Amino acid sequence: MPDTKKIQSLFDSIAKDYDKLNHVLSLGVDRTWRRRALKHITDRGSLKILDLACGTGDFSIETARHSDTGTSVIGLDLSEGMLEVMERKVSEAGLSDRISCEQGNGEQMRFSDASFDRATIAFGIRNFENREKALREILRVLKPGGRLVILELSVPSNAILKWFYCMYFTRILPRIGGAVSGDKAAYSYLPASVLKFPGKEEWMKTMDGCGFKNVSHKAFTFGICRMYIGEK
């Protein structure tokens, strides 16, 4: 499992170039994945939504834009550097009245029991030091009937696609990321964390074992990205 302090330092170091690299390295497909996940988040009325591992706020902003005007979003992240970028983006988007962000650890949150209608994690669950603890904590702060929606990168099951994917992730991505951000180590860690993340069956069992009901899964783009949904 990743070390929390190292993860915080890593993301602080790449915050400035994180958005640009995300879109370039995913060929812009990450935007499509987020839009598809929104259908399961903003599906009814005014909601209180928690966006964990919110990074620079892309998903928080898209969630607010596609929600009822009464919906509020709280973004939570370890990295001060990421949150500084997020605050600027939220302000530029004119959404400061609906989106707030704060530094915090998703494994031990300050929020009261049953505080949120929805919780989301977009491409961040693999970076938690104790994922089971985080899942139980998310379950605690969700209201009865609340929903957790996770997007996470994954390894395709097709053998040929898997070979090209691993080649790109382990050899090409670190070079591009390192050249743009100046931090090759960070962009070596990121693909390695994807390759080490549990497969879909194992992760769904983990969510179920932590107390989530009606756990489901959907693969996007040949399994490069996967969406997991669980309910309280």
Protein backbone atom coordinates (compact mmCIF):
# COMPACT_ATOMS: atom_id res chain seq x y z
CA MET A 1 0.00 0.00 0.00
CA PRO A 2 1.24 3.56 -0.67
CA ASP A 3 2.64 5.70 2.14
CA THR A 4 0.38 8.69 2.86
CA LYS A 5 3.18 11.23 3.39
CA LYS A 6 4.99 10.15 0.23
CA ILE A 7 1.76 10.38 -1.78
CA GLN A 8 1.11 13.88 -0.45
CA SER A 9 4.62 15.01 -1.41
CA LEU A 10 4.40 13.35 -4.84
CA PHE A 11 1.19 15.10 -5.82
CA ASP A 12 2.39 18.43 -4.45
CA SER A 13 5.37 18.13 -6.82
CA ILE A 14 3.30 17.57 -9.98
CA ALA A 15 0.24 19.73 -9.21
CA LYS A 16 1.15 22.49 -11.65
CA ASP A 17 1.22 20.23 -14.72
CA TYR A 18 -1.20 17.55 -13.54
CA ASP A 19 -4.26 18.58 -15.57
CA LYS A 20 -2.39 19.03 -18.83
CA LEU A 21 -0.62 15.72 -18.53
CA ASN A 22 -3.78 13.85 -17.52
CA HIS A 23 -5.60 14.91 -20.67
CA VAL A 24 -2.61 14.42 -22.97
CA LEU A 25 -1.63 11.02 -21.63
CA SER A 26 -5.20 9.70 -21.75
CA LEU A 27 -5.76 11.29 -25.19
CA GLY A 28 -8.65 13.22 -23.64
CA VAL A 29 -10.67 10.07 -22.94
CA ASP A 30 -10.66 10.78 -19.18
CA ARG A 31 -13.27 13.48 -19.79
CA THR A 32 -15.61 10.93 -21.36
CA TRP A 33 -15.19 8.55 -18.44
CA ARG A 34 -16.10 11.30 -15.97
CA ARG A 35 -19.19 12.28 -17.95
CA ARG A 36 -20.40 8.68 -17.96
CA ALA A 37 -19.93 8.41 -14.21
CA LEU A 38 -21.89 11.62 -13.59
CA LYS A 39 -25.11 9.88 -14.61
CA HIS A 40 -24.85 7.84 -11.42
CA ILE A 41 -23.99 10.81 -9.21
CA THR A 42 -26.25 13.67 -10.30
CA ASP A 43 -29.34 11.57 -10.94
CA ARG A 44 -31.77 13.29 -8.60
CA GLY A 45 -32.48 16.69 -7.04
CA SER A 46 -30.31 18.74 -4.74
CA LEU A 47 -27.52 16.65 -3.23
CA LYS A 48 -24.60 16.99 -0.88
CA ILE A 49 -21.61 15.35 -2.57
CA LEU A 50 -18.16 14.47 -1.25
CA ASP A 51 -15.39 14.26 -3.87
CA LEU A 52 -12.50 12.37 -2.29
CA ALA A 53 -8.95 12.58 -3.65
CA CYS A 54 -10.34 15.52 -5.62
CA GLY A 55 -6.94 16.63 -6.92
CA THR A 56 -7.21 19.81 -8.96
CA GLY A 57 -10.99 19.69 -8.92
CA ASP A 58 -11.94 18.56 -12.44
CA PHE A 59 -14.54 16.09 -11.20
CA SER A 60 -15.89 18.44 -8.54
CA ILE A 61 -16.42 21.14 -11.16
CA GLU A 62 -18.07 18.80 -13.66
CA THR A 63 -20.29 17.41 -10.91
CA ALA A 64 -21.47 20.88 -9.89
CA ARG A 65 -22.08 21.90 -13.51
CA HIS A 66 -24.26 18.85 -14.17
CA SER A 67 -26.18 19.01 -10.88
CA ASP A 68 -29.27 20.78 -9.66
CA THR A 69 -28.50 24.33 -8.49
CA GLY A 70 -29.11 23.28 -4.88
CA THR A 71 -26.33 20.70 -4.96
CA SER A 72 -23.12 21.38 -3.04
CA VAL A 73 -19.75 19.64 -3.47
CA ILE A 74 -16.92 19.31 -0.96
CA GLY A 75 -13.55 18.30 -2.37
CA LEU A 76 -11.11 16.57 -0.03
CA ASP A 77 -7.46 15.88 -0.82
CA LEU A 78 -4.12 15.35 0.92
CA SER A 79 -2.17 17.65 -1.39
CA GLU A 80 -2.05 21.38 -0.68
CA GLY A 81 -0.53 21.93 -4.11
CA MET A 82 -3.45 20.24 -5.84
CA LEU A 83 -5.99 22.17 -3.76
CA GLU A 84 -4.35 25.51 -4.59
CA VAL A 85 -4.91 24.75 -8.27
CA MET A 86 -8.47 23.61 -7.53
CA GLU A 87 -9.38 26.80 -5.68
CA ARG A 88 -8.27 28.90 -8.63
CA LYS A 89 -10.19 26.75 -11.12
CA VAL A 90 -13.36 26.79 -9.02
CA SER A 91 -13.19 30.57 -8.77
CA GLU A 92 -12.63 30.96 -12.51
CA ALA A 93 -15.61 28.69 -13.15
CA GLY A 94 -17.83 30.90 -10.97
CA LEU A 95 -18.68 27.97 -8.68
CA SER A 96 -17.20 29.11 -5.37
CA ASP A 97 -20.69 29.28 -3.85
CA ARG A 98 -21.30 25.59 -4.61
CA ILE A 99 -17.86 23.98 -4.32
CA SER A 100 -15.53 24.06 -1.32
CA CYS A 101 -12.28 22.20 -0.84
CA GLU A 102 -10.15 21.27 2.10
CA GLN A 103 -7.08 19.28 2.97
CA GLY A 104 -7.77 16.00 4.70
CA ASN A 105 -7.29 12.26 4.80
CA GLY A 106 -10.15 10.15 3.46
CA GLU A 107 -9.26 7.42 5.94
CA GLN A 108 -10.15 9.64 8.90
CA MET A 109 -12.61 12.42 8.08
CA ARG A 110 -14.02 15.18 10.27
CA PHE A 111 -17.53 14.86 8.85
CA SER A 112 -20.45 13.59 10.92
CA ASP A 113 -22.18 10.30 10.28
CA ALA A 114 -24.68 10.32 7.39
CA SER A 115 -23.55 13.72 6.02
CA PHE A 116 -23.54 13.05 2.26
CA ASP A 117 -25.90 11.75 -0.43
CA ARG A 118 -23.04 10.79 -2.76
CA ALA A 119 -19.30 10.17 -2.51
CA THR A 120 -16.97 10.03 -5.49
CA ILE A 121 -13.35 9.08 -6.09
CA ALA A 122 -11.97 9.63 -9.59
CA PHE A 123 -8.60 7.93 -10.18
CA GLY A 124 -7.55 8.16 -6.56
CA ILE A 125 -8.61 5.07 -4.62
CA ARG A 126 -5.42 3.22 -5.56
CA ASN A 127 -3.38 5.89 -3.75
CA PHE A 128 -4.94 5.34 -0.33
CA GLU A 129 -2.64 3.79 2.26
CA ASN A 130 -5.46 1.72 3.78
CA ARG A 131 -8.24 1.31 1.20
CA GLU A 132 -10.49 -0.79 3.42
CA LYS A 133 -10.35 1.83 6.16
CA ALA A 134 -11.22 4.51 3.61
CA LEU A 135 -14.20 2.51 2.32
CA ARG A 136 -15.58 2.06 5.84
CA GLU A 137 -15.09 5.75 6.55
CA ILE A 138 -16.93 6.67 3.35
CA LEU A 139 -19.75 4.34 4.32
CA ARG A 140 -19.95 6.10 7.69
CA VAL A 141 -20.38 9.59 6.22
CA LEU A 142 -22.92 8.49 3.58
CA LYS A 143 -26.61 8.79 4.33
CA PRO A 144 -28.74 5.62 4.27
CA GLY A 145 -29.37 4.88 0.59
CA GLY A 146 -26.33 6.99 -0.35
CA ARG A 147 -24.02 5.95 -3.14
CA LEU A 148 -20.28 5.72 -3.75
CA VAL A 149 -19.04 6.01 -7.35
CA ILE A 150 -15.40 5.15 -8.07
CA LEU A 151 -13.52 5.62 -11.32
CA GLU A 152 -10.14 3.92 -11.52
CA LEU A 153 -7.63 3.05 -14.20
CA SER A 154 -7.22 -0.64 -14.89
CA VAL A 155 -5.36 -3.18 -16.99
CA PRO A 156 -7.22 -4.50 -20.07
CA SER A 157 -8.02 -8.22 -20.00
CA ASN A 158 -7.27 -8.73 -23.70
CA ALA A 159 -3.70 -10.08 -23.96
CA ILE A 160 -2.67 -7.95 -26.97
CA LEU A 161 -4.14 -4.74 -25.53
CA LYS A 162 -2.57 -5.54 -22.18
CA TRP A 163 0.90 -5.81 -23.76
CA PHE A 164 0.63 -2.43 -25.52
CA TYR A 165 -0.95 -0.85 -22.45
CA CYS A 166 1.83 -2.03 -20.13
CA MET A 167 4.47 -0.95 -22.64
CA TYR A 168 2.96 2.54 -22.81
CA PHE A 169 2.42 2.80 -19.08
CA THR A 170 5.81 1.55 -17.91
CA ARG A 171 8.11 2.96 -20.60
CA ILE A 172 6.51 5.82 -22.51
CA LEU A 173 4.36 7.55 -19.89
CA PRO A 174 7.19 8.08 -17.35
CA ARG A 175 9.33 9.70 -20.04
CA ILE A 176 6.59 12.08 -21.22
CA GLY A 177 5.46 12.87 -17.69
CA GLY A 178 9.00 13.37 -16.50
CA ALA A 179 9.88 15.63 -19.43
CA VAL A 180 6.88 17.90 -18.89
CA SER A 181 6.76 17.94 -15.09
CA GLY A 182 10.43 17.44 -14.32
CA ASP A 183 9.50 14.57 -11.99
CA LYS A 184 10.05 11.22 -13.70
CA ALA A 185 9.74 9.36 -10.39
CA ALA A 186 6.15 10.54 -9.96
CA TYR A 187 5.21 9.29 -13.40
CA SER A 188 6.89 5.99 -12.70
CA TYR A 189 4.87 5.57 -9.50
CA LEU A 190 1.52 6.38 -11.15
CA PRO A 191 1.55 3.51 -13.71
CA ALA A 192 2.99 1.12 -11.14
CA SER A 193 0.10 1.88 -8.80
CA VAL A 194 -2.39 1.01 -11.56
CA LEU A 195 -0.70 -2.32 -12.29
CA LYS A 196 -0.78 -3.23 -8.59
CA PHE A 197 -4.44 -2.34 -8.02
CA PRO A 198 -6.76 -5.33 -7.44
CA GLY A 199 -8.74 -6.81 -10.34
CA LYS A 200 -12.45 -6.16 -10.65
CA GLU A 201 -13.65 -9.31 -8.82
CA GLU A 202 -11.28 -8.77 -5.90
CA TRP A 203 -12.13 -5.08 -5.59
CA MET A 204 -15.87 -5.70 -5.71
CA LYS A 205 -15.47 -8.28 -2.93
CA THR A 206 -13.51 -5.71 -0.93
CA MET A 207 -16.30 -3.14 -1.28
CA ASP A 208 -18.87 -5.74 -0.31
CA GLY A 209 -16.78 -6.84 2.67
CA CYS A 210 -16.56 -3.23 3.88
CA GLY A 211 -20.34 -2.98 4.01
CA PHE A 212 -21.45 -1.67 0.63
CA LYS A 213 -24.56 -3.16 -0.95
CA ASN A 214 -25.53 -3.70 -4.57
CA VAL A 215 -21.89 -3.41 -5.67
CA SER A 216 -21.61 -3.20 -9.45
CA HIS A 217 -18.95 -2.67 -12.08
CA LYS A 218 -18.70 -1.33 -15.61
CA ALA A 219 -15.65 -1.30 -17.91
CA PHE A 220 -14.88 1.66 -20.18
CA THR A 221 -12.59 1.73 -23.24
CA PHE A 222 -11.71 -1.98 -23.34
CA GLY A 223 -11.17 -2.08 -19.58
CA ILE A 224 -8.63 0.75 -19.39
CA CYS A 225 -10.97 2.44 -16.94
CA ARG A 226 -13.48 0.83 -14.60
CA MET A 227 -16.40 2.28 -12.68
CA TYR A 228 -17.46 0.74 -9.36
CA ILE A 229 -20.70 1.62 -7.61
CA GLY A 230 -21.77 0.69 -4.10
CA GLU A 231 -24.71 1.75 -1.93
CA LYS A 232 -25.22 2.16 1.79
